[in-house]
Amino acid sequence: MLIGLMRPVETRSVAVEAADLAGVQTQLAAQRPDGFDLVSAPVEMIKGAAILQAVGTFARRDQVTRVEAEDMAALEAKVPEGWQLLNVLRT
């Protein structure tokens, strides 16, 4: 018997502008959807202005679900479109 853990694959991006890095972080934290974690936020200065611009990318990290099957092919068949298999344990 195989037991697998899977979760949905979903990302969202948000553009923010602020005068400093603390402001960028504050705005991104306020924009974070429930169940998502910030995975990327490259920052760049706007040419000719004293403003930082960032695009934060959030990835879904909740809704981990357990699936069971007798073999790997059957387990992979139970993973729906838009989900990823995180790990597999043999019992």
PDB file of N, CA and C in Angstrom:
ATOM      1  N   MET A   1       0.851  -1.173   0.000  1.00  0.00           N
ATOM      2  CA  MET A   1       0.000   0.000   0.000  1.00  0.00           C
ATOM      3  C   MET A   1       0.899   1.239   0.000  1.00  0.00           C
ATOM      4  N   LEU A   2       0.540   2.204  -0.815  1.00  0.00           N
ATOM      5  CA  LEU A   2       1.251   3.490  -0.881  1.00  0.00           C
ATOM      6  C   LEU A   2       0.346   4.598  -0.352  1.00  0.00           C
ATOM      7  N   ILE A   3       0.930   5.505   0.390  1.00  0.00           N
ATOM      8  CA  ILE A   3       0.210   6.681   0.890  1.00  0.00           C
ATOM      9  C   ILE A   3       0.945   7.907   0.365  1.00  0.00           C
ATOM     10  N   GLY A   4       0.213   8.781  -0.278  1.00  0.00           N
ATOM     11  CA  GLY A   4       0.796  10.004  -0.814  1.00  0.00           C
ATOM     12  C   GLY A   4       0.148  11.244  -0.231  1.00  0.00           C
ATOM     13  N   LEU A   5       0.914  12.311  -0.143  1.00  0.00           N
ATOM     14  CA  LEU A   5       0.385  13.616   0.254  1.00  0.00           C
ATOM     15  C   LEU A   5       0.433  14.526  -0.965  1.00  0.00           C
ATOM     16  N   MET A   6      -0.655  15.238  -1.207  1.00  0.00           N
ATOM     17  CA  MET A   6      -0.723  16.143  -2.346  1.00  0.00           C
ATOM     18  C   MET A   6      -1.311  17.473  -1.913  1.00  0.00           C
ATOM     19  N   ARG A   7      -1.053  18.496  -2.714  1.00  0.00           N
ATOM     20  CA  ARG A   7      -1.615  19.825  -2.453  1.00  0.00           C
ATOM     21  C   ARG A   7      -1.866  20.516  -3.791  1.00  0.00           C
ATOM     22  N   PRO A   8      -2.739  21.515  -3.787  1.00  0.00           N
ATOM     23  CA  PRO A   8      -3.001  22.239  -5.031  1.00  0.00           C
ATOM     24  C   PRO A   8      -1.805  23.093  -5.450  1.00  0.00           C
ATOM     25  N   VAL A   9      -1.651  23.239  -6.754  1.00  0.00           N
ATOM     26  CA  VAL A   9      -0.611  24.100  -7.316  1.00  0.00           C
ATOM     27  C   VAL A   9      -1.312  25.367  -7.794  1.00  0.00           C
ATOM     28  N   GLU A  10      -1.062  26.465  -7.112  1.00  0.00           N
ATOM     29  CA  GLU A  10      -1.702  27.732  -7.473  1.00  0.00           C
ATOM     30  C   GLU A  10      -0.796  28.872  -7.042  1.00  0.00           C
ATOM     31  N   THR A  11      -0.618  29.848  -7.920  1.00  0.00           N
ATOM     32  CA  THR A  11       0.161  31.034  -7.568  1.00  0.00           C
ATOM     33  C   THR A  11      -0.627  32.280  -7.924  1.00  0.00           C
ATOM     34  N   ARG A  12      -0.316  33.340  -7.217  1.00  0.00           N
ATOM     35  CA  ARG A  12      -0.893  34.664  -7.491  1.00  0.00           C
ATOM     36  C   ARG A  12       0.227  35.690  -7.362  1.00  0.00           C
ATOM     37  N   SER A  13       0.164  36.725  -8.185  1.00  0.00           N
ATOM     38  CA  SER A  13       1.177  37.784  -8.142  1.00  0.00           C
ATOM     39  C   SER A  13       0.530  39.125  -7.864  1.00  0.00           C
ATOM     40  N   VAL A  14       1.252  39.965  -7.122  1.00  0.00           N
ATOM     41  CA  VAL A  14       0.765  41.288  -6.748  1.00  0.00           C
ATOM     42  C   VAL A  14       1.915  42.283  -6.917  1.00  0.00           C
ATOM     43  N   ALA A  15       1.661  43.394  -7.592  1.00  0.00           N
ATOM     44  CA  ALA A  15       2.655  44.458  -7.751  1.00  0.00           C
ATOM     45  C   ALA A  15       2.434  45.515  -6.678  1.00  0.00           C
ATOM     46  N   VAL A  16       3.529  45.947  -6.036  1.00  0.00           N
ATOM     47  CA  VAL A  16       3.453  46.993  -5.008  1.00  0.00           C
ATOM     48  C   VAL A  16       4.571  47.998  -5.222  1.00  0.00           C
ATOM     49  N   GLU A  17       4.381  49.196  -4.666  1.00  0.00           N
ATOM     50  CA  GLU A  17       5.396  50.252  -4.676  1.00  0.00           C
ATOM     51  C   GLU A  17       5.474  50.858  -3.288  1.00  0.00           C
ATOM     52  N   ALA A  18       6.703  51.187  -2.870  1.00  0.00           N
ATOM     53  CA  ALA A  18       6.891  51.801  -1.559  1.00  0.00           C
ATOM     54  C   ALA A  18       8.208  52.580  -1.555  1.00  0.00           C
ATOM     55  N   ALA A  19       8.384  53.396  -0.522  1.00  0.00           N
ATOM     56  CA  ALA A  19       9.583  54.223  -0.408  1.00  0.00           C
ATOM     57  C   ALA A  19      10.784  53.435   0.111  1.00  0.00           C
ATOM     58  N   ASP A  20      10.540  52.295   0.798  1.00  0.00           N
ATOM     59  CA  ASP A  20      11.637  51.499   1.342  1.00  0.00           C
ATOM     60  C   ASP A  20      11.249  50.017   1.391  1.00  0.00           C
ATOM     61  N   LEU A  21      12.225  49.172   1.743  1.00  0.00           N
ATOM     62  CA  LEU A  21      11.962  47.730   1.786  1.00  0.00           C
ATOM     63  C   LEU A  21      10.931  47.354   2.840  1.00  0.00           C
ATOM     64  N   ALA A  22      10.946  48.048   3.957  1.00  0.00           N
ATOM     65  CA  ALA A  22       9.959  47.765   5.001  1.00  0.00           C
ATOM     66  C   ALA A  22       8.543  48.020   4.484  1.00  0.00           C
ATOM     67  N   GLY A  23       8.384  49.085   3.709  1.00  0.00           N
ATOM     68  CA  GLY A  23       7.072  49.374   3.124  1.00  0.00           C
ATOM     69  C   GLY A  23       6.649  48.321   2.114  1.00  0.00           C
ATOM     70  N   VAL A  24       7.595  47.836   1.322  1.00  0.00           N
ATOM     71  CA  VAL A  24       7.298  46.762   0.364  1.00  0.00           C
ATOM     72  C   VAL A  24       6.841  45.518   1.115  1.00  0.00           C
ATOM     73  N   GLN A  25       7.577  45.150   2.168  1.00  0.00           N
ATOM     74  CA  GLN A  25       7.217  43.969   2.956  1.00  0.00           C
ATOM     75  C   GLN A  25       5.850  44.120   3.613  1.00  0.00           C
ATOM     76  N   THR A  26       5.566  45.303   4.125  1.00  0.00           N
ATOM     77  CA  THR A  26       4.274  45.550   4.770  1.00  0.00           C
ATOM     78  C   THR A  26       3.128  45.408   3.770  1.00  0.00           C
ATOM     79  N   GLN A  27       3.301  45.999   2.584  1.00  0.00           N
ATOM     80  CA  GLN A  27       2.254  45.914   1.564  1.00  0.00           C
ATOM     81  C   GLN A  27       2.053  44.479   1.082  1.00  0.00           C
ATOM     82  N   LEU A  28       3.145  43.748   0.892  1.00  0.00           N
ATOM     83  CA  LEU A  28       3.017  42.358   0.459  1.00  0.00           C
ATOM     84  C   LEU A  28       2.339  41.508   1.523  1.00  0.00           C
ATOM     85  N   ALA A  29       2.669  41.730   2.788  1.00  0.00           N
ATOM     86  CA  ALA A  29       2.025  40.985   3.874  1.00  0.00           C
ATOM     87  C   ALA A  29       0.525  41.260   3.911  1.00  0.00           C
ATOM     88  N   ALA A  30       0.136  42.497   3.640  1.00  0.00           N
ATOM     89  CA  ALA A  30      -1.285  42.854   3.639  1.00  0.00           C
ATOM     90  C   ALA A  30      -2.027  42.234   2.455  1.00  0.00           C
ATOM     91  N   GLN A  31      -1.312  41.951   1.372  1.00  0.00           N
ATOM     92  CA  GLN A  31      -1.924  41.396   0.158  1.00  0.00           C
ATOM     93  C   GLN A  31      -1.938  39.859   0.140  1.00  0.00           C
ATOM     94  N   ARG A  32      -1.283  39.211   1.107  1.00  0.00           N
ATOM     95  CA  ARG A  32      -1.161  37.748   1.110  1.00  0.00           C
ATOM     96  C   ARG A  32      -2.513  37.082   1.304  1.00  0.00           C
ATOM     97  N   PRO A  33      -2.937  36.253   0.332  1.00  0.00           N
ATOM     98  CA  PRO A  33      -4.200  35.522   0.494  1.00  0.00           C
ATOM     99  C   PRO A  33      -4.058  34.423   1.555  1.00  0.00           C
ATOM    100  N   ASP A  34      -5.150  34.054   2.196  1.00  0.00           N
ATOM    101  CA  ASP A  34      -5.135  32.968   3.177  1.00  0.00           C
ATOM    102  C   ASP A  34      -4.681  31.675   2.512  1.00  0.00           C
ATOM    103  N   GLY A  35      -3.813  30.949   3.192  1.00  0.00           N
ATOM    104  CA  GLY A  35      -3.332  29.678   2.681  1.00  0.00           C
ATOM    105  C   GLY A  35      -2.162  29.790   1.718  1.00  0.00           C
ATOM    106  N   PHE A  36      -1.686  31.017   1.463  1.00  0.00           N
ATOM    107  CA  PHE A  36      -0.583  31.243   0.534  1.00  0.00           C
ATOM    108  C   PHE A  36       0.625  31.755   1.295  1.00  0.00           C
ATOM    109  N   ASP A  37       1.810  31.443   0.778  1.00  0.00           N
ATOM    110  CA  ASP A  37       3.074  31.964   1.321  1.00  0.00           C
ATOM    111  C   ASP A  37       3.779  32.762   0.239  1.00  0.00           C
ATOM    112  N   LEU A  38       4.487  33.798   0.642  1.00  0.00           N
ATOM    113  CA  LEU A  38       5.282  34.583  -0.293  1.00  0.00           C
ATOM    114  C   LEU A  38       6.510  33.766  -0.676  1.00  0.00           C
ATOM    115  N   VAL A  39       6.686  33.497  -1.979  1.00  0.00           N
ATOM    116  CA  VAL A  39       7.812  32.672  -2.431  1.00  0.00           C
ATOM    117  C   VAL A  39       8.835  33.469  -3.231  1.00  0.00           C
ATOM    118  N   SER A  40       8.458  34.653  -3.705  1.00  0.00           N
ATOM    119  CA  SER A  40       9.385  35.474  -4.477  1.00  0.00           C
ATOM    120  C   SER A  40       8.903  36.917  -4.464  1.00  0.00           C
ATOM    121  N   ALA A  41       9.855  37.854  -4.374  1.00  0.00           N
ATOM    122  CA  ALA A  41       9.502  39.275  -4.406  1.00  0.00           C
ATOM    123  C   ALA A  41      10.713  40.097  -4.828  1.00  0.00           C
ATOM    124  N   PRO A  42      11.138  39.969  -6.083  1.00  0.00           N
ATOM    125  CA  PRO A  42      12.268  40.785  -6.526  1.00  0.00           C
ATOM    126  C   PRO A  42      11.910  42.274  -6.493  1.00  0.00           C
ATOM    127  N   VAL A  43      12.844  43.078  -6.010  1.00  0.00           N
ATOM    128  CA  VAL A  43      12.623  44.519  -5.847  1.00  0.00           C
ATOM    129  C   VAL A  43      13.540  45.268  -6.811  1.00  0.00           C
ATOM    130  N   GLU A  44      13.001  46.323  -7.407  1.00  0.00           N
ATOM    131  CA  GLU A  44      13.825  47.177  -8.261  1.00  0.00           C
ATOM    132  C   GLU A  44      13.467  48.634  -8.010  1.00  0.00           C
ATOM    133  N   MET A  45      14.441  49.510  -8.239  1.00  0.00           N
ATOM    134  CA  MET A  45      14.203  50.946  -8.087  1.00  0.00           C
ATOM    135  C   MET A  45      13.638  51.482  -9.393  1.00  0.00           C
ATOM    136  N   ILE A  46      12.683  52.369  -9.277  1.00  0.00           N
ATOM    137  CA  ILE A  46      12.131  53.024 -10.458  1.00  0.00           C
ATOM    138  C   ILE A  46      13.108  54.127 -10.859  1.00  0.00           C
ATOM    139  N   LYS A  47      13.523  54.103 -12.094  1.00  0.00           N
ATOM    140  CA  LYS A  47      14.514  55.056 -12.587  1.00  0.00           C
ATOM    141  C   LYS A  47      13.993  56.484 -12.445  1.00  0.00           C
ATOM    142  N   GLY A  48      14.801  57.350 -11.853  1.00  0.00           N
ATOM    143  CA  GLY A  48      14.449  58.752 -11.692  1.00  0.00           C
ATOM    144  C   GLY A  48      13.500  59.038 -10.544  1.00  0.00           C
ATOM    145  N   ALA A  49      13.223  58.040  -9.714  1.00  0.00           N
ATOM    146  CA  ALA A  49      12.321  58.247  -8.575  1.00  0.00           C
ATOM    147  C   ALA A  49      12.899  57.528  -7.353  1.00  0.00           C
ATOM    148  N   ALA A  50      12.492  57.964  -6.195  1.00  0.00           N
ATOM    149  CA  ALA A  50      12.954  57.351  -4.947  1.00  0.00           C
ATOM    150  C   ALA A  50      11.921  56.333  -4.463  1.00  0.00           C
ATOM    151  N   ILE A  51      11.470  55.490  -5.379  1.00  0.00           N
ATOM    152  CA  ILE A  51      10.437  54.500  -5.056  1.00  0.00           C
ATOM    153  C   ILE A  51      10.918  53.117  -5.466  1.00  0.00           C
ATOM    154  N   LEU A  52      10.626  52.129  -4.621  1.00  0.00           N
ATOM    155  CA  LEU A  52      10.924  50.736  -4.930  1.00  0.00           C
ATOM    156  C   LEU A  52       9.665  50.075  -5.469  1.00  0.00           C
ATOM    157  N   GLN A  53       9.862  49.189  -6.409  1.00  0.00           N
ATOM    158  CA  GLN A  53       8.749  48.467  -7.017  1.00  0.00           C
ATOM    159  C   GLN A  53       9.037  46.978  -6.878  1.00  0.00           C
ATOM    160  N   ALA A  54       8.032  46.187  -6.545  1.00  0.00           N
ATOM    161  CA  ALA A  54       8.212  44.747  -6.402  1.00  0.00           C
ATOM    162  C   ALA A  54       6.984  44.017  -6.911  1.00  0.00           C
ATOM    163  N   VAL A  55       7.217  42.826  -7.415  1.00  0.00           N
ATOM    164  CA  VAL A  55       6.123  41.928  -7.769  1.00  0.00           C
ATOM    165  C   VAL A  55       6.267  40.710  -6.875  1.00  0.00           C
ATOM    166  N   GLY A  56       5.329  40.573  -5.952  1.00  0.00           N
ATOM    167  CA  GLY A  56       5.354  39.438  -5.032  1.00  0.00           C
ATOM    168  C   GLY A  56       4.585  38.280  -5.617  1.00  0.00           C
ATOM    169  N   THR A  57       5.166  37.098  -5.540  1.00  0.00           N
ATOM    170  CA  THR A  57       4.493  35.888  -6.001  1.00  0.00           C
ATOM    171  C   THR A  57       4.177  35.033  -4.789  1.00  0.00           C
ATOM    172  N   PHE A  58       2.912  34.695  -4.652  1.00  0.00           N
ATOM    173  CA  PHE A  58       2.423  33.879  -3.552  1.00  0.00           C
ATOM    174  C   PHE A  58       2.039  32.504  -4.091  1.00  0.00           C
ATOM    175  N   ALA A  59       2.393  31.444  -3.355  1.00  0.00           N
ATOM    176  CA  ALA A  59       2.050  30.079  -3.753  1.00  0.00           C
ATOM    177  C   ALA A  59       1.196  29.445  -2.661  1.00  0.00           C
ATOM    178  N   ARG A  60       0.201  28.687  -3.085  1.00  0.00           N
ATOM    179  CA  ARG A  60      -0.685  28.013  -2.131  1.00  0.00           C
ATOM    180  C   ARG A  60       0.099  26.927  -1.408  1.00  0.00           C
ATOM    181  N   ARG A  61      -0.011  26.899  -0.096  1.00  0.00           N
ATOM    182  CA  ARG A  61       0.698  25.916   0.712  1.00  0.00           C
ATOM    183  C   ARG A  61      -0.230  25.173   1.675  1.00  0.00           C
ATOM    184  N   ASP A  62      -1.525  25.331   1.526  1.00  0.00           N
ATOM    185  CA  ASP A  62      -2.450  24.647   2.428  1.00  0.00           C
ATOM    186  C   ASP A  62      -3.165  23.517   1.691  1.00  0.00           C
ATOM    187  N   GLN A  63      -4.163  22.961   2.280  1.00  0.00           N
ATOM    188  CA  GLN A  63      -5.016  21.912   1.719  1.00  0.00           C
ATOM    189  C   GLN A  63      -4.251  20.633   1.385  1.00  0.00           C
ATOM    190  N   VAL A  64      -3.266  20.283   2.206  1.00  0.00           N
ATOM    191  CA  VAL A  64      -2.562  19.021   1.994  1.00  0.00           C
ATOM    192  C   VAL A  64      -3.543  17.888   2.253  1.00  0.00           C
ATOM    193  N   THR A  65      -3.613  16.964   1.291  1.00  0.00           N
ATOM    194  CA  THR A  65      -4.584  15.879   1.330  1.00  0.00           C
ATOM    195  C   THR A  65      -3.873  14.542   1.163  1.00  0.00           C
ATOM    196  N   ARG A  66      -4.373  13.541   1.837  1.00  0.00           N
ATOM    197  CA  ARG A  66      -3.791  12.191   1.775  1.00  0.00           C
ATOM    198  C   ARG A  66      -4.537  11.343   0.749  1.00  0.00           C
ATOM    199  N   VAL A  67      -3.794  10.584  -0.050  1.00  0.00           N
ATOM    200  CA  VAL A  67      -4.381   9.624  -0.995  1.00  0.00           C
ATOM    201  C   VAL A  67      -3.678   8.288  -0.817  1.00  0.00           C
ATOM    202  N   GLU A  68      -4.411   7.205  -1.076  1.00  0.00           N
ATOM    203  CA  GLU A  68      -3.855   5.866  -0.926  1.00  0.00           C
ATOM    204  C   GLU A  68      -4.117   5.056  -2.186  1.00  0.00           C
ATOM    205  N   ALA A  69      -3.182   4.135  -2.486  1.00  0.00           N
ATOM    206  CA  ALA A  69      -3.344   3.251  -3.632  1.00  0.00           C
ATOM    207  C   ALA A  69      -2.414   2.050  -3.460  1.00  0.00           C
ATOM    208  N   GLU A  70      -2.650   1.035  -4.267  1.00  0.00           N
ATOM    209  CA  GLU A  70      -1.846  -0.183  -4.196  1.00  0.00           C
ATOM    210  C   GLU A  70      -0.499  -0.044  -4.894  1.00  0.00           C
ATOM    211  N   ASP A  71      -0.421   0.772  -5.965  1.00  0.00           N
ATOM    212  CA  ASP A  71       0.843   0.937  -6.680  1.00  0.00           C
ATOM    213  C   ASP A  71       0.988   2.386  -7.132  1.00  0.00           C
ATOM    214  N   MET A  72       2.167   2.723  -7.660  1.00  0.00           N
ATOM    215  CA  MET A  72       2.473   4.111  -8.022  1.00  0.00           C
ATOM    216  C   MET A  72       1.578   4.619  -9.149  1.00  0.00           C
ATOM    217  N   ALA A  73       1.305   3.790 -10.131  1.00  0.00           N
ATOM    218  CA  ALA A  73       0.445   4.216 -11.248  1.00  0.00           C
ATOM    219  C   ALA A  73      -0.954   4.572 -10.747  1.00  0.00           C
ATOM    220  N   ALA A  74      -1.481   3.756  -9.852  1.00  0.00           N
ATOM    221  CA  ALA A  74      -2.818   4.028  -9.302  1.00  0.00           C
ATOM    222  C   ALA A  74      -2.798   5.281  -8.428  1.00  0.00           C
ATOM    223  N   LEU A  75      -1.711   5.482  -7.697  1.00  0.00           N
ATOM    224  CA  LEU A  75      -1.593   6.669  -6.853  1.00  0.00           C
ATOM    225  C   LEU A  75      -1.539   7.935  -7.719  1.00  0.00           C
ATOM    226  N   GLU A  76      -0.706   7.924  -8.753  1.00  0.00           N
ATOM    227  CA  GLU A  76      -0.605   9.078  -9.655  1.00  0.00           C
ATOM    228  C   GLU A  76      -1.927   9.364 -10.357  1.00  0.00           C
ATOM    229  N   ALA A  77      -2.711   8.324 -10.634  1.00  0.00           N
ATOM    230  CA  ALA A  77      -4.015   8.504 -11.282  1.00  0.00           C
ATOM    231  C   ALA A  77      -5.002   9.218 -10.360  1.00  0.00           C
ATOM    232  N   LYS A  78      -4.772   9.153  -9.054  1.00  0.00           N
ATOM    233  CA  LYS A  78      -5.669   9.806  -8.090  1.00  0.00           C
ATOM    234  C   LYS A  78      -5.334  11.280  -7.865  1.00  0.00           C
ATOM    235  N   VAL A  79      -4.212  11.740  -8.418  1.00  0.00           N
ATOM    236  CA  VAL A  79      -3.811  13.146  -8.259  1.00  0.00           C
ATOM    237  C   VAL A  79      -4.500  13.955  -9.348  1.00  0.00           C
ATOM    238  N   PRO A  80      -5.460  14.825  -8.973  1.00  0.00           N
ATOM    239  CA  PRO A  80      -6.212  15.584  -9.987  1.00  0.00           C
ATOM    240  C   PRO A  80      -5.372  16.668 -10.663  1.00  0.00           C
ATOM    241  N   GLU A  81      -5.860  17.136 -11.795  1.00  0.00           N
ATOM    242  CA  GLU A  81      -5.228  18.250 -12.519  1.00  0.00           C
ATOM    243  C   GLU A  81      -5.134  19.450 -11.582  1.00  0.00           C
ATOM    244  N   GLY A  82      -3.998  20.123 -11.587  1.00  0.00           N
ATOM    245  CA  GLY A  82      -3.814  21.294 -10.741  1.00  0.00           C
ATOM    246  C   GLY A  82      -3.324  20.979  -9.336  1.00  0.00           C
ATOM    247  N   TRP A  83      -2.986  19.711  -9.080  1.00  0.00           N
ATOM    248  CA  TRP A  83      -2.441  19.296  -7.792  1.00  0.00           C
ATOM    249  C   TRP A  83      -1.075  18.676  -8.015  1.00  0.00           C
ATOM    250  N   GLN A  84      -0.233  18.646  -6.972  1.00  0.00           N
ATOM    251  CA  GLN A  84       1.066  18.007  -7.069  1.00  0.00           C
ATOM    252  C   GLN A  84       1.241  17.017  -5.934  1.00  0.00           C
ATOM    253  N   LEU A  85       1.892  15.929  -6.247  1.00  0.00           N
ATOM    254  CA  LEU A  85       2.202  14.907  -5.260  1.00  0.00           C
ATOM    255  C   LEU A  85       3.457  15.330  -4.524  1.00  0.00           C
ATOM    256  N   LEU A  86       3.385  15.444  -3.211  1.00  0.00           N
ATOM    257  CA  LEU A  86       4.510  15.932  -2.415  1.00  0.00           C
ATOM    258  C   LEU A  86       5.464  14.825  -1.999  1.00  0.00           C
ATOM    259  N   ASN A  87       4.906  13.720  -1.514  1.00  0.00           N
ATOM    260  CA  ASN A  87       5.727  12.584  -1.117  1.00  0.00           C
ATOM    261  C   ASN A  87       4.912  11.317  -1.107  1.00  0.00           C
ATOM    262  N   VAL A  88       5.603  10.191  -1.066  1.00  0.00           N
ATOM    263  CA  VAL A  88       4.950   8.883  -1.076  1.00  0.00           C
ATOM    264  C   VAL A  88       5.625   8.011  -0.021  1.00  0.00           C
ATOM    265  N   LEU A  89       4.800   7.338   0.763  1.00  0.00           N
ATOM    266  CA  LEU A  89       5.294   6.390   1.783  1.00  0.00           C
ATOM    267  C   LEU A  89       4.737   5.009   1.492  1.00  0.00           C
ATOM    268  N   ARG A  90       5.559   3.991   1.665  1.00  0.00           N
ATOM    269  CA  ARG A  90       5.107   2.606   1.513  1.00  0.00           C
ATOM    270  C   ARG A  90       4.777   2.077   2.911  1.00  0.00           C
ATOM    271  N   THR A  91       3.607   1.452   3.043  1.00  0.00           N
ATOM    272  CA  THR A  91       3.223   0.901   4.351  1.00  0.00           C
ATOM    273  C   THR A  91       3.251  -0.600   4.328  1.00  0.00           C
TER     274      THR A  91
END
